[in-house]
PDB file of N, CA and C in Angstrom:
ATOM      1  N   MET A   1      98.435 341.397 135.010  1.00  0.00           N
ATOM      2  CA  MET A   1      99.798 340.693 135.850  1.00  0.00           C
ATOM      3  C   MET A   1      98.983 340.394 137.035  1.00  0.00           C
ATOM      4  N   GLY A   2      98.391 339.548 138.159  1.00  0.00           N
ATOM      5  CA  GLY A   2      98.161 339.634 139.557  1.00  0.00           C
ATOM      6  C   GLY A   2      98.253 338.490 139.987  1.00  0.00           C
ATOM      7  N   LEU A   3      97.376 338.472 140.453  1.00  0.00           N
ATOM      8  CA  LEU A   3      97.026 337.460 141.285  1.00  0.00           C
ATOM      9  C   LEU A   3      96.301 336.092 140.585  1.00  0.00           C
ATOM     10  N   ASP A   4      96.782 334.721 140.537  1.00  0.00           N
ATOM     11  CA  ASP A   4      95.950 333.759 139.633  1.00  0.00           C
ATOM     12  C   ASP A   4      95.900 332.841 139.977  1.00  0.00           C
ATOM     13  N   GLN A   5      94.856 332.191 140.784  1.00  0.00           N
ATOM     14  CA  GLN A   5      94.736 330.923 142.299  1.00  0.00           C
ATOM     15  C   GLN A   5      93.668 329.519 141.571  1.00  0.00           C
ATOM     16  N   TYR A   6      94.256 328.223 141.439  1.00  0.00           N
ATOM     17  CA  TYR A   6      94.062 327.418 141.547  1.00  0.00           C
ATOM     18  C   TYR A   6      94.240 326.091 142.182  1.00  0.00           C
ATOM     19  N   ALA A   7      93.254 325.441 142.087  1.00  0.00           N
ATOM     20  CA  ALA A   7      93.148 324.155 142.789  1.00  0.00           C
ATOM     21  C   ALA A   7      92.861 322.657 141.758  1.00  0.00           C
ATOM     22  N   PHE A   8      93.751 321.565 142.324  1.00  0.00           N
ATOM     23  CA  PHE A   8      93.702 320.893 141.452  1.00  0.00           C
ATOM     24  C   PHE A   8      94.370 319.262 142.062  1.00  0.00           C
ATOM     25  N   ALA A   9      93.319 318.398 141.701  1.00  0.00           N
ATOM     26  CA  ALA A   9      92.628 317.357 142.266  1.00  0.00           C
ATOM     27  C   ALA A   9      93.712 316.331 141.091  1.00  0.00           C
ATOM     28  N   THR A  10      94.628 315.300 141.886  1.00  0.00           N
ATOM     29  CA  THR A  10      95.613 314.181 141.118  1.00  0.00           C
ATOM     30  C   THR A  10      94.947 312.979 141.842  1.00  0.00           C
ATOM     31  N   THR A  11      95.480 311.880 140.846  1.00  0.00           N
ATOM     32  CA  THR A  11      95.529 311.093 141.488  1.00  0.00           C
ATOM     33  C   THR A  11      96.632 310.172 141.871  1.00  0.00           C
ATOM     34  N   ALA A  12      96.711 309.161 142.629  1.00  0.00           N
ATOM     35  CA  ALA A  12      98.545 308.492 142.842  1.00  0.00           C
ATOM     36  C   ALA A  12      98.527 307.943 141.878  1.00  0.00           C
ATOM     37  N   PRO A  13     100.215 308.128 141.136  1.00  0.00           N
ATOM     38  CA  PRO A  13     100.720 307.227 140.047  1.00  0.00           C
ATOM     39  C   PRO A  13     100.318 305.456 140.225  1.00  0.00           C
ATOM     40  N   SER A  14     100.254 304.987 139.224  1.00  0.00           N
ATOM     41  CA  SER A  14     100.258 303.530 139.148  1.00  0.00           C
ATOM     42  C   SER A  14     100.841 303.013 138.221  1.00  0.00           C
ATOM     43  N   LYS A  15     101.416 301.622 138.049  1.00  0.00           N
ATOM     44  CA  LYS A  15     102.023 301.108 137.747  1.00  0.00           C
ATOM     45  C   LYS A  15     101.678 302.017 135.960  1.00  0.00           C
ATOM     46  N   GLY A  16     102.698 302.199 136.225  1.00  0.00           N
ATOM     47  CA  GLY A  16     103.799 302.585 134.363  1.00  0.00           C
ATOM     48  C   GLY A  16     102.975 303.447 134.093  1.00  0.00           C
ATOM     49  N   LYS A  17     101.800 304.143 135.393  1.00  0.00           N
ATOM     50  CA  LYS A  17     101.198 305.199 134.629  1.00  0.00           C
ATOM     51  C   LYS A  17     101.635 306.855 135.223  1.00  0.00           C
ATOM     52  N   PHE A  18     101.464 307.834 134.040  1.00  0.00           N
ATOM     53  CA  PHE A  18     101.946 309.254 135.515  1.00  0.00           C
ATOM     54  C   PHE A  18     100.692 309.638 136.527  1.00  0.00           C
ATOM     55  N   ALA A  19     100.354 310.308 137.247  1.00  0.00           N
ATOM     56  CA  ALA A  19      99.399 311.104 138.120  1.00  0.00           C
ATOM     57  C   ALA A  19      98.773 311.582 137.040  1.00  0.00           C
ATOM     58  N   LYS A  20      97.522 311.964 137.098  1.00  0.00           N
ATOM     59  CA  LYS A  20      96.083 312.457 136.369  1.00  0.00           C
ATOM     60  C   LYS A  20      96.009 313.627 137.488  1.00  0.00           C
ATOM     61  N   SER A  21      96.152 315.021 136.421  1.00  0.00           N
ATOM     62  CA  SER A  21      95.263 316.625 137.346  1.00  0.00           C
ATOM     63  C   SER A  21      94.325 317.138 136.204  1.00  0.00           C
ATOM     64  N   THR A  22      93.791 316.972 137.720  1.00  0.00           N
ATOM     65  CA  THR A  22      92.354 318.197 137.339  1.00  0.00           C
ATOM     66  C   THR A  22      92.399 319.167 137.985  1.00  0.00           C
ATOM     67  N   GLU A  23      91.481 320.276 137.104  1.00  0.00           N
ATOM     68  CA  GLU A  23      91.688 321.379 137.881  1.00  0.00           C
ATOM     69  C   GLU A  23      90.321 321.475 138.125  1.00  0.00           C
ATOM     70  N   LEU A  24      90.065 322.124 139.786  1.00  0.00           N
ATOM     71  CA  LEU A  24      88.931 321.217 140.349  1.00  0.00           C
ATOM     72  C   LEU A  24      88.343 323.305 140.391  1.00  0.00           C
ATOM     73  N   ALA A  25      89.426 324.480 140.231  1.00  0.00           N
ATOM     74  CA  ALA A  25      88.901 325.851 141.383  1.00  0.00           C
ATOM     75  C   ALA A  25      89.623 327.261 139.968  1.00  0.00           C
ATOM     76  N   TYR A  26      89.173 327.760 138.680  1.00  0.00           N
ATOM     77  CA  TYR A  26      90.120 328.913 139.486  1.00  0.00           C
ATOM     78  C   TYR A  26      89.809 329.885 139.812  1.00  0.00           C
ATOM     79  N   TRP A  27      90.368 331.081 140.286  1.00  0.00           N
ATOM     80  CA  TRP A  27      89.827 332.619 141.129  1.00  0.00           C
ATOM     81  C   TRP A  27      90.789 333.145 140.390  1.00  0.00           C
ATOM     82  N   ARG A  28      90.255 334.917 140.625  1.00  0.00           N
ATOM     83  CA  ARG A  28      90.682 336.035 139.501  1.00  0.00           C
ATOM     84  C   ARG A  28      91.085 336.705 140.575  1.00  0.00           C
ATOM     85  N   LYS A  29      92.082 336.858 141.285  1.00  0.00           N
ATOM     86  CA  LYS A  29      92.984 337.896 142.618  1.00  0.00           C
ATOM     87  C   LYS A  29      91.150 338.006 143.633  1.00  0.00           C
ATOM     88  N   HIS A  30      91.467 336.610 144.042  1.00  0.00           N
ATOM     89  CA  HIS A  30      90.006 336.441 145.392  1.00  0.00           C
ATOM     90  C   HIS A  30      91.742 336.539 146.493  1.00  0.00           C
ATOM     91  N   ALA A  31      91.903 337.456 146.678  1.00  0.00           N
ATOM     92  CA  ALA A  31      93.162 338.302 147.968  1.00  0.00           C
ATOM     93  C   ALA A  31      92.791 337.028 148.884  1.00  0.00           C
ATOM     94  N   ASN A  32      91.551 337.725 149.449  1.00  0.00           N
ATOM     95  CA  ASN A  32      91.083 336.943 151.211  1.00  0.00           C
ATOM     96  C   ASN A  32      90.738 335.644 150.719  1.00  0.00           C
ATOM     97  N   LEU A  33      90.773 334.863 149.912  1.00  0.00           N
ATOM     98  CA  LEU A  33      90.702 333.401 149.464  1.00  0.00           C
ATOM     99  C   LEU A  33      92.690 333.010 149.539  1.00  0.00           C
ATOM    100  N   GLU A  34      93.424 333.731 149.688  1.00  0.00           N
ATOM    101  CA  GLU A  34      94.979 334.078 149.539  1.00  0.00           C
ATOM    102  C   GLU A  34      95.282 333.512 150.963  1.00  0.00           C
ATOM    103  N   GLY A  35      94.778 334.885 151.294  1.00  0.00           N
ATOM    104  CA  GLY A  35      95.353 335.584 152.287  1.00  0.00           C
ATOM    105  C   GLY A  35      94.889 334.306 153.723  1.00  0.00           C
ATOM    106  N   TRP A  36      93.752 333.261 153.996  1.00  0.00           N
ATOM    107  CA  TRP A  36      93.671 331.891 154.126  1.00  0.00           C
ATOM    108  C   TRP A  36      94.576 331.047 153.458  1.00  0.00           C
ATOM    109  N   MET A  37      94.562 330.215 152.724  1.00  0.00           N
ATOM    110  CA  MET A  37      95.415 329.346 152.560  1.00  0.00           C
ATOM    111  C   MET A  37      96.179 330.141 152.441  1.00  0.00           C
ATOM    112  N   ALA A  38      97.513 331.043 152.595  1.00  0.00           N
ATOM    113  CA  ALA A  38      98.813 331.301 153.057  1.00  0.00           C
ATOM    114  C   ALA A  38      98.495 331.015 154.678  1.00  0.00           C
ATOM    115  N   GLU A  39      97.986 331.606 155.146  1.00  0.00           N
ATOM    116  CA  GLU A  39      98.246 331.073 157.403  1.00  0.00           C
ATOM    117  C   GLU A  39      97.527 329.880 156.981  1.00  0.00           C
ATOM    118  N   LEU A  40      96.924 329.192 156.450  1.00  0.00           N
ATOM    119  CA  LEU A  40      97.108 327.303 155.826  1.00  0.00           C
ATOM    120  C   LEU A  40      98.470 327.499 156.690  1.00  0.00           C
ATOM    121  N   TYR A  41      98.999 327.785 155.157  1.00  0.00           N
ATOM    122  CA  TYR A  41     100.721 327.045 154.468  1.00  0.00           C
ATOM    123  C   TYR A  41     101.379 327.318 155.361  1.00  0.00           C
ATOM    124  N   TYR A  42     101.808 328.243 156.548  1.00  0.00           N
ATOM    125  CA  TYR A  42     102.504 328.585 156.760  1.00  0.00           C
ATOM    126  C   TYR A  42     102.186 328.660 158.655  1.00  0.00           C
ATOM    127  N   GLU A  43     100.934 327.457 159.241  1.00  0.00           N
ATOM    128  CA  GLU A  43     100.979 327.330 160.167  1.00  0.00           C
ATOM    129  C   GLU A  43     101.926 326.292 159.500  1.00  0.00           C
ATOM    130  N   SER A  44     101.149 325.557 158.570  1.00  0.00           N
ATOM    131  CA  SER A  44     102.189 323.781 158.623  1.00  0.00           C
ATOM    132  C   SER A  44     103.268 324.249 157.989  1.00  0.00           C
ATOM    133  N   ASN A  45     103.615 324.469 157.637  1.00  0.00           N
ATOM    134  CA  ASN A  45     105.462 325.501 157.408  1.00  0.00           C
ATOM    135  C   ASN A  45     105.865 326.505 158.687  1.00  0.00           C
ATOM    136  N   PRO A  46     105.736 326.572 159.548  1.00  0.00           N
ATOM    137  CA  PRO A  46     106.443 327.516 160.094  1.00  0.00           C
ATOM    138  C   PRO A  46     108.296 328.406 159.972  1.00  0.00           C
ATOM    139  N   ASP A  47     108.846 327.597 159.206  1.00  0.00           N
ATOM    140  CA  ASP A  47     110.166 328.051 159.072  1.00  0.00           C
ATOM    141  C   ASP A  47     110.838 328.315 157.247  1.00  0.00           C
ATOM    142  N   ASP A  48     109.482 328.124 156.327  1.00  0.00           N
ATOM    143  CA  ASP A  48     108.977 328.767 155.809  1.00  0.00           C
ATOM    144  C   ASP A  48     109.759 330.036 154.984  1.00  0.00           C
ATOM    145  N   GLY A  49     110.595 331.073 155.264  1.00  0.00           N
ATOM    146  CA  GLY A  49     110.457 332.756 155.081  1.00  0.00           C
ATOM    147  C   GLY A  49     110.361 333.192 153.710  1.00  0.00           C
ATOM    148  N   GLU A  50     109.901 331.871 152.827  1.00  0.00           N
ATOM    149  CA  GLU A  50     110.503 332.581 151.762  1.00  0.00           C
ATOM    150  C   GLU A  50     108.198 333.407 151.612  1.00  0.00           C
ATOM    151  N   SER A  51     107.792 333.503 150.056  1.00  0.00           N
ATOM    152  CA  SER A  51     106.424 334.119 150.138  1.00  0.00           C
ATOM    153  C   SER A  51     106.146 332.585 149.704  1.00  0.00           C
ATOM    154  N   PHE A  52     104.438 333.134 149.708  1.00  0.00           N
ATOM    155  CA  PHE A  52     103.378 331.933 149.671  1.00  0.00           C
ATOM    156  C   PHE A  52     103.060 331.599 148.300  1.00  0.00           C
ATOM    157  N   ASN A  53     104.328 332.448 146.995  1.00  0.00           N
ATOM    158  CA  ASN A  53     103.440 332.199 145.903  1.00  0.00           C
ATOM    159  C   ASN A  53     103.951 331.095 145.517  1.00  0.00           C
ATOM    160  N   CYS A  54     103.661 330.161 143.965  1.00  0.00           N
ATOM    161  CA  CYS A  54     103.806 329.928 143.565  1.00  0.00           C
ATOM    162  C   CYS A  54     104.188 328.093 144.448  1.00  0.00           C
ATOM    163  N   LYS A  55     103.175 328.521 145.525  1.00  0.00           N
ATOM    164  CA  LYS A  55     103.670 327.101 146.316  1.00  0.00           C
ATOM    165  C   LYS A  55     102.444 325.949 146.526  1.00  0.00           C
ATOM    166  N   LYS A  56     102.338 325.060 146.347  1.00  0.00           N
ATOM    167  CA  LYS A  56     101.866 323.517 146.416  1.00  0.00           C
ATOM    168  C   LYS A  56     100.677 323.828 148.014  1.00  0.00           C
ATOM    169  N   LEU A  57     100.289 323.643 148.147  1.00  0.00           N
ATOM    170  CA  LEU A  57      99.524 323.647 149.614  1.00  0.00           C
ATOM    171  C   LEU A  57      98.226 321.904 150.195  1.00  0.00           C
ATOM    172  N   TYR A  58      98.643 321.082 149.902  1.00  0.00           N
ATOM    173  CA  TYR A  58      97.564 319.742 150.467  1.00  0.00           C
ATOM    174  C   TYR A  58      96.772 320.601 151.684  1.00  0.00           C
ATOM    175  N   LEU A  59      95.197 319.994 151.089  1.00  0.00           N
ATOM    176  CA  LEU A  59      94.539 320.107 151.906  1.00  0.00           C
ATOM    177  C   LEU A  59      93.715 318.826 151.963  1.00  0.00           C
ATOM    178  N   ASP A  60      93.378 318.715 153.830  1.00  0.00           N
ATOM    179  CA  ASP A  60      92.793 317.737 153.602  1.00  0.00           C
ATOM    180  C   ASP A  60      90.851 317.247 153.737  1.00  0.00           C
ATOM    181  N   LEU A  61      90.255 317.373 154.715  1.00  0.00           N
ATOM    182  CA  LEU A  61      88.229 317.380 154.482  1.00  0.00           C
ATOM    183  C   LEU A  61      88.698 318.344 155.958  1.00  0.00           C
ATOM    184  N   GLU A  62      89.748 318.049 156.716  1.00  0.00           N
ATOM    185  CA  GLU A  62      89.335 319.464 157.954  1.00  0.00           C
ATOM    186  C   GLU A  62      89.835 321.105 157.350  1.00  0.00           C
ATOM    187  N   ASP A  63      90.588 320.718 156.782  1.00  0.00           N
ATOM    188  CA  ASP A  63      91.081 322.051 156.445  1.00  0.00           C
ATOM    189  C   ASP A  63      90.185 322.360 155.684  1.00  0.00           C
ATOM    190  N   LEU A  64      89.400 321.850 154.816  1.00  0.00           N
ATOM    191  CA  LEU A  64      88.104 322.185 154.135  1.00  0.00           C
ATOM    192  C   LEU A  64      87.078 322.366 154.790  1.00  0.00           C
ATOM    193  N   ASP A  65      86.521 321.417 156.060  1.00  0.00           N
ATOM    194  CA  ASP A  65      85.252 322.450 156.549  1.00  0.00           C
ATOM    195  C   ASP A  65      85.740 323.373 156.633  1.00  0.00           C
ATOM    196  N   ASN A  66      87.218 323.451 157.500  1.00  0.00           N
ATOM    197  CA  ASN A  66      87.419 325.072 158.027  1.00  0.00           C
ATOM    198  C   ASN A  66      87.149 325.955 157.171  1.00  0.00           C
ATOM    199  N   LEU A  67      87.506 325.778 156.365  1.00  0.00           N
ATOM    200  CA  LEU A  67      87.459 326.500 154.779  1.00  0.00           C
ATOM    201  C   LEU A  67      85.715 327.303 154.610  1.00  0.00           C
ATOM    202  N   GLU A  68      85.515 325.466 154.712  1.00  0.00           N
ATOM    203  CA  GLU A  68      83.524 326.553 154.676  1.00  0.00           C
ATOM    204  C   GLU A  68      82.745 326.798 155.497  1.00  0.00           C
ATOM    205  N   THR A  69      82.967 327.095 156.335  1.00  0.00           N
ATOM    206  CA  THR A  69      82.492 327.814 157.378  1.00  0.00           C
ATOM    207  C   THR A  69      83.226 329.274 157.696  1.00  0.00           C
ATOM    208  N   ALA A  70      84.864 328.657 157.190  1.00  0.00           N
ATOM    209  CA  ALA A  70      84.927 330.631 157.507  1.00  0.00           C
ATOM    210  C   ALA A  70      84.861 331.242 156.198  1.00  0.00           C
ATOM    211  N   ILE A  71      83.880 330.682 155.023  1.00  0.00           N
ATOM    212  CA  ILE A  71      83.392 331.499 154.454  1.00  0.00           C
ATOM    213  C   ILE A  71      82.178 331.504 154.346  1.00  0.00           C
ATOM    214  N   ASN A  72      81.316 331.072 154.718  1.00  0.00           N
ATOM    215  CA  ASN A  72      79.647 331.296 155.705  1.00  0.00           C
ATOM    216  C   ASN A  72      79.963 332.368 156.743  1.00  0.00           C
ATOM    217  N   ASP A  73      80.642 332.184 157.140  1.00  0.00           N
ATOM    218  CA  ASP A  73      80.785 332.586 158.462  1.00  0.00           C
ATOM    219  C   ASP A  73      81.675 334.358 158.199  1.00  0.00           C
ATOM    220  N   ASP A  74      82.344 335.106 156.899  1.00  0.00           N
ATOM    221  CA  ASP A  74      82.743 335.976 156.519  1.00  0.00           C
ATOM    222  C   ASP A  74      83.659 336.189 157.305  1.00  0.00           C
ATOM    223  N   GLY A  75      84.332 334.538 157.495  1.00  0.00           N
ATOM    224  CA  GLY A  75      85.750 334.602 158.061  1.00  0.00           C
ATOM    225  C   GLY A  75      86.762 334.990 157.473  1.00  0.00           C
ATOM    226  N   LEU A  76      86.737 335.422 155.740  1.00  0.00           N
ATOM    227  CA  LEU A  76      87.983 334.737 155.627  1.00  0.00           C
ATOM    228  C   LEU A  76      88.752 336.239 155.873  1.00  0.00           C
ATOM    229  N   PRO A  77      90.271 336.039 156.445  1.00  0.00           N
ATOM    230  CA  PRO A  77      90.821 337.368 156.703  1.00  0.00           C
ATOM    231  C   PRO A  77      91.195 338.778 155.448  1.00  0.00           C
ATOM    232  N   HIS A  78      90.841 339.792 155.834  1.00  0.00           N
ATOM    233  CA  HIS A  78      91.219 340.284 154.812  1.00  0.00           C
ATOM    234  C   HIS A  78      92.595 340.372 154.394  1.00  0.00           C
ATOM    235  N   THR A  79      92.751 340.440 152.433  1.00  0.00           N
ATOM    236  CA  THR A  79      94.233 340.260 152.210  1.00  0.00           C
ATOM    237  C   THR A  79      94.300 341.232 151.700  1.00  0.00           C
ATOM    238  N   GLU A  80      95.533 342.163 151.161  1.00  0.00           N
ATOM    239  CA  GLU A  80      95.569 342.699 149.950  1.00  0.00           C
ATOM    240  C   GLU A  80      97.462 342.476 149.678  1.00  0.00           C
ATOM    241  N   GLY A  81      97.629 342.842 148.364  1.00  0.00           N
ATOM    242  CA  GLY A  81      98.840 342.552 148.034  1.00  0.00           C
ATOM    243  C   GLY A  81      98.833 343.324 146.746  1.00  0.00           C
ATOM    244  N   PHE A  82      99.957 343.992 146.813  1.00  0.00           N
ATOM    245  CA  PHE A  82     100.651 344.425 145.015  1.00  0.00           C
ATOM    246  C   PHE A  82      99.460 344.054 144.111  1.00  0.00           C
ATOM    247  N   PHE A  83      99.477 342.589 143.873  1.00  0.00           N
ATOM    248  CA  PHE A  83      98.574 342.331 142.394  1.00  0.00           C
ATOM    249  C   PHE A  83      97.591 341.729 142.932  1.00  0.00           C
ATOM    250  N   PHE A  84      97.244 341.701 144.180  1.00  0.00           N
ATOM    251  CA  PHE A  84      95.834 341.039 144.661  1.00  0.00           C
ATOM    252  C   PHE A  84      94.688 341.355 143.757  1.00  0.00           C
ATOM    253  N   GLY A  85      94.469 343.228 144.204  1.00  0.00           N
ATOM    254  CA  GLY A  85      93.209 343.354 143.487  1.00  0.00           C
ATOM    255  C   GLY A  85      92.513 343.583 144.510  1.00  0.00           C
ATOM    256  N   THR A  86      91.123 344.216 145.001  1.00  0.00           N
ATOM    257  CA  THR A  86      90.012 344.015 145.707  1.00  0.00           C
ATOM    258  C   THR A  86      89.403 342.145 145.677  1.00  0.00           C
ATOM    259  N   SER A  87      89.400 341.737 146.722  1.00  0.00           N
ATOM    260  CA  SER A  87      88.201 340.271 147.067  1.00  0.00           C
ATOM    261  C   SER A  87      86.662 340.362 146.532  1.00  0.00           C
ATOM    262  N   ASP A  88      86.148 339.785 145.922  1.00  0.00           N
ATOM    263  CA  ASP A  88      84.801 339.579 145.475  1.00  0.00           C
ATOM    264  C   ASP A  88      84.425 338.978 146.468  1.00  0.00           C
ATOM    265  N   ASP A  89      83.559 339.395 147.086  1.00  0.00           N
ATOM    266  CA  ASP A  89      83.263 339.009 148.674  1.00  0.00           C
ATOM    267  C   ASP A  89      81.192 339.154 148.629  1.00  0.00           C
ATOM    268  N   SER A  90      80.606 338.427 147.194  1.00  0.00           N
ATOM    269  CA  SER A  90      79.753 338.619 146.519  1.00  0.00           C
ATOM    270  C   SER A  90      78.764 337.042 147.210  1.00  0.00           C
ATOM    271  N   ASN A  91      77.797 336.747 146.792  1.00  0.00           N
ATOM    272  CA  ASN A  91      77.430 335.795 147.020  1.00  0.00           C
ATOM    273  C   ASN A  91      77.712 334.702 145.383  1.00  0.00           C
ATOM    274  N   GLU A  92      77.942 335.204 144.514  1.00  0.00           N
ATOM    275  CA  GLU A  92      78.458 333.920 143.176  1.00  0.00           C
ATOM    276  C   GLU A  92      79.917 333.764 144.063  1.00  0.00           C
ATOM    277  N   ALA A  93      80.478 334.381 144.778  1.00  0.00           N
ATOM    278  CA  ALA A  93      81.930 333.890 144.319  1.00  0.00           C
ATOM    279  C   ALA A  93      82.016 333.492 145.582  1.00  0.00           C
ATOM    280  N   ARG A  94      80.876 333.582 146.462  1.00  0.00           N
ATOM    281  CA  ARG A  94      80.438 332.269 147.206  1.00  0.00           C
ATOM    282  C   ARG A  94      80.435 330.887 146.951  1.00  0.00           C
ATOM    283  N   ASN A  95      79.487 330.674 146.261  1.00  0.00           N
ATOM    284  CA  ASN A  95      78.694 329.830 145.713  1.00  0.00           C
ATOM    285  C   ASN A  95      80.430 329.537 145.031  1.00  0.00           C
ATOM    286  N   ARG A  96      81.327 329.842 144.697  1.00  0.00           N
ATOM    287  CA  ARG A  96      81.907 329.584 143.822  1.00  0.00           C
ATOM    288  C   ARG A  96      82.689 328.330 144.514  1.00  0.00           C
ATOM    289  N   ASP A  97      83.129 329.231 145.947  1.00  0.00           N
ATOM    290  CA  ASP A  97      83.961 328.424 146.692  1.00  0.00           C
ATOM    291  C   ASP A  97      83.872 327.315 147.215  1.00  0.00           C
ATOM    292  N   LEU A  98      81.985 327.664 147.161  1.00  0.00           N
ATOM    293  CA  LEU A  98      81.554 326.367 148.284  1.00  0.00           C
ATOM    294  C   LEU A  98      81.920 325.020 147.176  1.00  0.00           C
ATOM    295  N   ASP A  99      81.276 325.884 145.723  1.00  0.00           N
ATOM    296  CA  ASP A  99      81.625 324.343 144.432  1.00  0.00           C
ATOM    297  C   ASP A  99      82.724 324.119 144.312  1.00  0.00           C
ATOM    298  N   PHE A 100      83.774 324.982 145.146  1.00  0.00           N
ATOM    299  CA  PHE A 100      85.162 323.703 144.792  1.00  0.00           C
ATOM    300  C   PHE A 100      85.566 323.163 146.358  1.00  0.00           C
ATOM    301  N   ILE A 101      84.703 324.092 146.916  1.00  0.00           N
ATOM    302  CA  ILE A 101      84.722 322.723 148.656  1.00  0.00           C
ATOM    303  C   ILE A 101      84.405 321.336 148.127  1.00  0.00           C
ATOM    304  N   ALA A 102      83.074 321.300 147.373  1.00  0.00           N
ATOM    305  CA  ALA A 102      82.505 320.196 147.277  1.00  0.00           C
ATOM    306  C   ALA A 102      83.195 319.279 146.438  1.00  0.00           C
ATOM    307  N   LYS A 103      83.937 319.916 145.298  1.00  0.00           N
ATOM    308  CA  LYS A 103      84.057 319.125 144.666  1.00  0.00           C
ATOM    309  C   LYS A 103      85.700 318.217 145.192  1.00  0.00           C
ATOM    310  N   ALA A 104      86.438 319.345 146.387  1.00  0.00           N
ATOM    311  CA  ALA A 104      87.523 318.534 146.837  1.00  0.00           C
ATOM    312  C   ALA A 104      87.418 317.886 147.578  1.00  0.00           C
ATOM    313  N   ARG A 105      85.898 318.112 148.430  1.00  0.00           N
ATOM    314  CA  ARG A 105      85.898 316.671 148.817  1.00  0.00           C
ATOM    315  C   ARG A 105      85.290 315.239 148.106  1.00  0.00           C
ATOM    316  N   TRP A 106      84.298 315.338 147.254  1.00  0.00           N
ATOM    317  CA  TRP A 106      84.603 313.855 146.301  1.00  0.00           C
ATOM    318  C   TRP A 106      85.810 313.423 146.163  1.00  0.00           C
ATOM    319  N   HIS A 107      86.875 314.526 145.611  1.00  0.00           N
ATOM    320  CA  HIS A 107      88.157 313.654 145.134  1.00  0.00           C
ATOM    321  C   HIS A 107      88.649 312.879 146.150  1.00  0.00           C
ATOM    322  N   LEU A 108      88.904 313.859 147.417  1.00  0.00           N
ATOM    323  CA  LEU A 108      89.616 313.418 148.823  1.00  0.00           C
ATOM    324  C   LEU A 108      88.644 311.707 148.893  1.00  0.00           C
ATOM    325  N   ASN A 109      87.415 311.803 149.255  1.00  0.00           N
ATOM    326  CA  ASN A 109      87.253 310.765 149.314  1.00  0.00           C
ATOM    327  C   ASN A 109      86.425 309.865 148.363  1.00  0.00           C
ATOM    328  N   ASN A 110      87.164 309.921 146.704  1.00  0.00           N
ATOM    329  CA  ASN A 110      87.683 309.317 145.982  1.00  0.00           C
ATOM    330  C   ASN A 110      88.835 308.425 145.695  1.00  0.00           C
ATOM    331  N   GLY A 111      89.915 308.953 147.113  1.00  0.00           N
ATOM    332  CA  GLY A 111      91.335 308.510 147.146  1.00  0.00           C
ATOM    333  C   GLY A 111      92.272 309.109 146.130  1.00  0.00           C
ATOM    334  N   ASP A 112      91.494 310.746 145.662  1.00  0.00           N
ATOM    335  CA  ASP A 112      93.045 311.970 145.583  1.00  0.00           C
ATOM    336  C   ASP A 112      93.150 312.730 146.247  1.00  0.00           C
ATOM    337  N   LYS A 113      94.421 313.565 145.441  1.00  0.00           N
ATOM    338  CA  LYS A 113      95.123 314.390 146.715  1.00  0.00           C
ATOM    339  C   LYS A 113      94.397 315.869 146.242  1.00  0.00           C
ATOM    340  N   VAL A 114      94.157 316.837 146.580  1.00  0.00           N
ATOM    341  CA  VAL A 114      93.563 317.716 146.051  1.00  0.00           C
ATOM    342  C   VAL A 114      95.357 319.239 146.797  1.00  0.00           C
ATOM    343  N   TYR A 115      95.544 319.868 145.964  1.00  0.00           N
ATOM    344  CA  TYR A 115      95.844 320.979 146.163  1.00  0.00           C
ATOM    345  C   TYR A 115      95.198 322.224 145.640  1.00  0.00           C
ATOM    346  N   TYR A 116      95.828 323.728 146.615  1.00  0.00           N
ATOM    347  CA  TYR A 116      95.793 325.322 145.785  1.00  0.00           C
ATOM    348  C   TYR A 116      97.050 325.215 145.624  1.00  0.00           C
ATOM    349  N   THR A 117      97.060 326.066 144.626  1.00  0.00           N
ATOM    350  CA  THR A 117      98.155 326.988 144.340  1.00  0.00           C
ATOM    351  C   THR A 117      97.880 328.701 143.825  1.00  0.00           C
ATOM    352  N   SER A 118      98.814 329.058 143.237  1.00  0.00           N
ATOM    353  CA  SER A 118      98.667 329.735 143.112  1.00  0.00           C
ATOM    354  C   SER A 118      99.810 330.973 142.310  1.00  0.00           C
ATOM    355  N   TRP A 119     100.012 332.380 141.899  1.00  0.00           N
ATOM    356  CA  TRP A 119     100.988 333.416 141.234  1.00  0.00           C
ATOM    357  C   TRP A 119     100.791 333.973 140.917  1.00  0.00           C
ATOM    358  N   TRP A 120     101.332 335.128 141.435  1.00  0.00           N
ATOM    359  CA  TRP A 120     101.646 336.761 141.545  1.00  0.00           C
ATOM    360  C   TRP A 120     102.905 337.332 141.088  1.00  0.00           C
TER     361      TRP A 120
END
């Protein structure tokens, strides 16, 4: 048990077809990313008194720009939780995060929606 995090791109449903989802990223116990996403979620949903667990957070290009800045400036908030473990702040983890951002931008620029979700 622990923090599992995902990012997906979804296509818009078309006549007679369902939306198609594509996994863009998977993280395991990246607590600081979870903290950043939770802060963004609660900025948009200040009256949601529930935990951020299993919520969908749709991201736009501005969100991705802000996330990229936070990653490059070591600005992800220190986040702890019982199931969260310790975030990996290595260059490899940073590169995975930036790779997700590049993929997400491509999908947004091509008409898809991008969302983040986590489960703990």
